[in-house]
Amino acid sequence: MHQLEHFTEIIAAYSRHGWELRRVLMCAETRLALASSGSELCEGLAPEESKVDALWFARASHAGREAWELRLVGETPYALFETFEADEDEEEREDVRREMLARLEEYAARS
């Protein structure tokens, strides 16, 4: 399956379960493929350059929390999950998201 098809499938599956696409991460090769395809698979989000192809999703969680999931785009499903308290400031959240991305990149490099 082509990498852009993986993006489309994963976005559709997460959307069916109430997740909202928040960020799109693409390696240079995938960004070129997207540009040449003319596809609009990113729901209006501009893909960010990354070492890995991945998607950030978020949705409301219980007790006023917000759940975030970082999903690797590829043949093998792999994701990292974190919940944030309602009163947690954005800088703290972003620090955690950077740590999650570093862990995902490390996993992808080993695979």
C-alpha atoms as a PDB file:
ATOM      1  CA  MET A   1       0.000   0.000   0.000  1.00  0.00           C
ATOM      2  CA  HIS A   2       1.228   3.494  -0.856  1.00  0.00           C
ATOM      3  CA  GLN A   3       2.130   5.718   2.115  1.00  0.00           C
ATOM      4  CA  LEU A   4      -0.537   8.321   1.264  1.00  0.00           C
ATOM      5  CA  GLU A   5      -3.150   5.545   1.371  1.00  0.00           C
ATOM      6  CA  HIS A   6      -1.968   4.697   4.896  1.00  0.00           C
ATOM      7  CA  PHE A   7      -2.549   8.333   5.891  1.00  0.00           C
ATOM      8  CA  THR A   8      -6.068   8.271   4.425  1.00  0.00           C
ATOM      9  CA  GLU A   9      -6.990   4.979   6.128  1.00  0.00           C
ATOM     10  CA  ILE A  10      -5.670   6.012   9.533  1.00  0.00           C
ATOM     11  CA  ILE A  11      -7.353   9.433   9.443  1.00  0.00           C
ATOM     12  CA  ALA A  12     -10.684   7.803   8.518  1.00  0.00           C
ATOM     13  CA  ALA A  13     -10.400   5.173  11.265  1.00  0.00           C
ATOM     14  CA  TYR A  14      -9.575   7.694  13.986  1.00  0.00           C
ATOM     15  CA  SER A  15     -12.338  10.052  12.798  1.00  0.00           C
ATOM     16  CA  ARG A  16     -14.883   7.238  13.101  1.00  0.00           C
ATOM     17  CA  HIS A  17     -13.904   6.914  16.761  1.00  0.00           C
ATOM     18  CA  GLY A  18     -14.246  10.605  17.576  1.00  0.00           C
ATOM     19  CA  TRP A  19     -10.622  11.681  17.242  1.00  0.00           C
ATOM     20  CA  GLU A  20      -9.796  15.053  15.650  1.00  0.00           C
ATOM     21  CA  LEU A  21      -6.719  15.368  13.453  1.00  0.00           C
ATOM     22  CA  ARG A  22      -4.542  18.112  14.955  1.00  0.00           C
ATOM     23  CA  ARG A  23      -1.150  17.813  13.253  1.00  0.00           C
ATOM     24  CA  VAL A  24       0.356  15.996  10.296  1.00  0.00           C
ATOM     25  CA  LEU A  25       4.040  15.039  10.292  1.00  0.00           C
ATOM     26  CA  MET A  26       5.692  13.922   7.053  1.00  0.00           C
ATOM     27  CA  CYS A  27       9.196  13.068   5.961  1.00  0.00           C
ATOM     28  CA  ALA A  28      10.488  14.885   2.879  1.00  0.00           C
ATOM     29  CA  GLU A  29       9.740  11.970   0.533  1.00  0.00           C
ATOM     30  CA  THR A  30       6.095  11.777   1.618  1.00  0.00           C
ATOM     31  CA  ARG A  31       5.661  15.558   1.374  1.00  0.00           C
ATOM     32  CA  LEU A  32       6.861  15.389  -2.242  1.00  0.00           C
ATOM     33  CA  ALA A  33       4.459  12.529  -2.988  1.00  0.00           C
ATOM     34  CA  LEU A  34       1.596  14.527  -1.473  1.00  0.00           C
ATOM     35  CA  ALA A  35       2.480  17.642  -3.485  1.00  0.00           C
ATOM     36  CA  SER A  36       2.664  15.710  -6.748  1.00  0.00           C
ATOM     37  CA  SER A  37      -0.588  13.838  -6.053  1.00  0.00           C
ATOM     38  CA  GLY A  38      -2.652  16.991  -5.626  1.00  0.00           C
ATOM     39  CA  SER A  39      -4.430  15.202  -2.770  1.00  0.00           C
ATOM     40  CA  GLU A  40      -6.029  17.063   0.150  1.00  0.00           C
ATOM     41  CA  LEU A  41      -5.765  14.334   2.763  1.00  0.00           C
ATOM     42  CA  CYS A  42      -4.667  16.543   5.659  1.00  0.00           C
ATOM     43  CA  GLU A  43      -8.046  18.194   6.369  1.00  0.00           C
ATOM     44  CA  GLY A  44      -6.632  21.659   5.711  1.00  0.00           C
ATOM     45  CA  LEU A  45      -3.576  21.182   7.944  1.00  0.00           C
ATOM     46  CA  ALA A  46      -0.165  21.952   6.498  1.00  0.00           C
ATOM     47  CA  PRO A  47       2.127  18.941   6.922  1.00  0.00           C
ATOM     48  CA  GLU A  48       5.093  19.610   9.206  1.00  0.00           C
ATOM     49  CA  GLU A  49       8.478  18.254   8.144  1.00  0.00           C
ATOM     50  CA  SER A  50       9.576  15.359  10.317  1.00  0.00           C
ATOM     51  CA  LYS A  51      11.912  12.365  10.449  1.00  0.00           C
ATOM     52  CA  VAL A  52       8.857  10.084  10.470  1.00  0.00           C
ATOM     53  CA  ASP A  53       5.385   9.990   8.966  1.00  0.00           C
ATOM     54  CA  ALA A  54       2.956  10.400  11.845  1.00  0.00           C
ATOM     55  CA  LEU A  55      -0.375  11.905  12.828  1.00  0.00           C
ATOM     56  CA  TRP A  56      -1.413  13.718  15.989  1.00  0.00           C
ATOM     57  CA  PHE A  57      -5.009  13.182  17.089  1.00  0.00           C
ATOM     58  CA  ALA A  58      -6.888  14.599  20.082  1.00  0.00           C
ATOM     59  CA  ARG A  59     -10.285  14.230  21.703  1.00  0.00           C
ATOM     60  CA  ALA A  60     -12.026  15.003  24.953  1.00  0.00           C
ATOM     61  CA  SER A  61     -11.409  12.503  27.730  1.00  0.00           C
ATOM     62  CA  HIS A  62     -13.116  11.882  31.059  1.00  0.00           C
ATOM     63  CA  ALA A  63     -12.969  14.361  33.977  1.00  0.00           C
ATOM     64  CA  GLY A  64     -12.305  17.315  31.682  1.00  0.00           C
ATOM     65  CA  ARG A  65      -9.034  15.904  30.403  1.00  0.00           C
ATOM     66  CA  GLU A  66      -7.857  15.944  26.810  1.00  0.00           C
ATOM     67  CA  ALA A  67      -6.403  12.807  25.211  1.00  0.00           C
ATOM     68  CA  TRP A  68      -3.679  13.013  22.569  1.00  0.00           C
ATOM     69  CA  GLU A  69      -2.400  10.147  20.455  1.00  0.00           C
ATOM     70  CA  LEU A  70       0.630  10.151  18.172  1.00  0.00           C
ATOM     71  CA  ARG A  71       0.172   7.481  15.486  1.00  0.00           C
ATOM     72  CA  LEU A  72       3.012   6.249  13.303  1.00  0.00           C
ATOM     73  CA  VAL A  73       1.933   5.940   9.663  1.00  0.00           C
ATOM     74  CA  GLY A  74       3.082   2.645   8.204  1.00  0.00           C
ATOM     75  CA  GLU A  75       2.460  -1.062   7.788  1.00  0.00           C
ATOM     76  CA  THR A  76       2.753  -1.856  11.512  1.00  0.00           C
ATOM     77  CA  PRO A  77       0.371  -0.028  13.870  1.00  0.00           C
ATOM     78  CA  TYR A  78       2.199   1.863  16.622  1.00  0.00           C
ATOM     79  CA  ALA A  79       0.957   4.771  18.713  1.00  0.00           C
ATOM     80  CA  LEU A  80       1.760   6.691  21.883  1.00  0.00           C
ATOM     81  CA  PHE A  81      -0.998   8.038  24.114  1.00  0.00           C
ATOM     82  CA  GLU A  82      -1.149  10.763  26.766  1.00  0.00           C
ATOM     83  CA  THR A  83      -3.887  12.595  28.637  1.00  0.00           C
ATOM     84  CA  PHE A  84      -3.606  16.172  29.811  1.00  0.00           C
ATOM     85  CA  GLU A  85      -5.376  17.824  32.732  1.00  0.00           C
ATOM     86  CA  ALA A  86      -7.730  20.675  31.882  1.00  0.00           C
ATOM     87  CA  ASP A  87      -5.583  23.148  33.844  1.00  0.00           C
ATOM     88  CA  GLU A  88      -2.247  21.999  32.382  1.00  0.00           C
ATOM     89  CA  ASP A  89      -0.677  24.877  30.476  1.00  0.00           C
ATOM     90  CA  GLU A  90       0.148  24.598  26.788  1.00  0.00           C
ATOM     91  CA  GLU A  91       3.913  24.816  27.319  1.00  0.00           C
ATOM     92  CA  GLU A  92       3.852  21.725  29.579  1.00  0.00           C
ATOM     93  CA  ARG A  93       1.673  19.895  27.065  1.00  0.00           C
ATOM     94  CA  GLU A  94       4.032  20.767  24.231  1.00  0.00           C
ATOM     95  CA  ASP A  95       7.014  19.463  26.243  1.00  0.00           C
ATOM     96  CA  VAL A  96       5.236  16.125  26.676  1.00  0.00           C
ATOM     97  CA  ARG A  97       4.330  16.010  22.978  1.00  0.00           C
ATOM     98  CA  ARG A  98       7.988  16.646  22.036  1.00  0.00           C
ATOM     99  CA  GLU A  99       9.024  13.742  24.292  1.00  0.00           C
ATOM    100  CA  MET A 100       6.410  11.517  22.668  1.00  0.00           C
ATOM    101  CA  LEU A 101       7.676  12.419  19.200  1.00  0.00           C
ATOM    102  CA  ALA A 102      11.274  11.660  20.234  1.00  0.00           C
ATOM    103  CA  ARG A 103      10.169   8.222  21.501  1.00  0.00           C
ATOM    104  CA  LEU A 104       8.281   7.557  18.259  1.00  0.00           C
ATOM    105  CA  GLU A 105      11.291   8.572  16.152  1.00  0.00           C
ATOM    106  CA  GLU A 106      13.490   6.264  18.241  1.00  0.00           C
ATOM    107  CA  TYR A 107      11.046   3.380  17.724  1.00  0.00           C
ATOM    108  CA  ALA A 108      10.866   4.016  13.970  1.00  0.00           C
ATOM    109  CA  ALA A 109      14.664   4.130  13.673  1.00  0.00           C
ATOM    110  CA  ARG A 110      14.914   0.672  15.292  1.00  0.00           C
ATOM    111  CA  SER A 111      12.179  -0.857  13.125  1.00  0.00           C
END
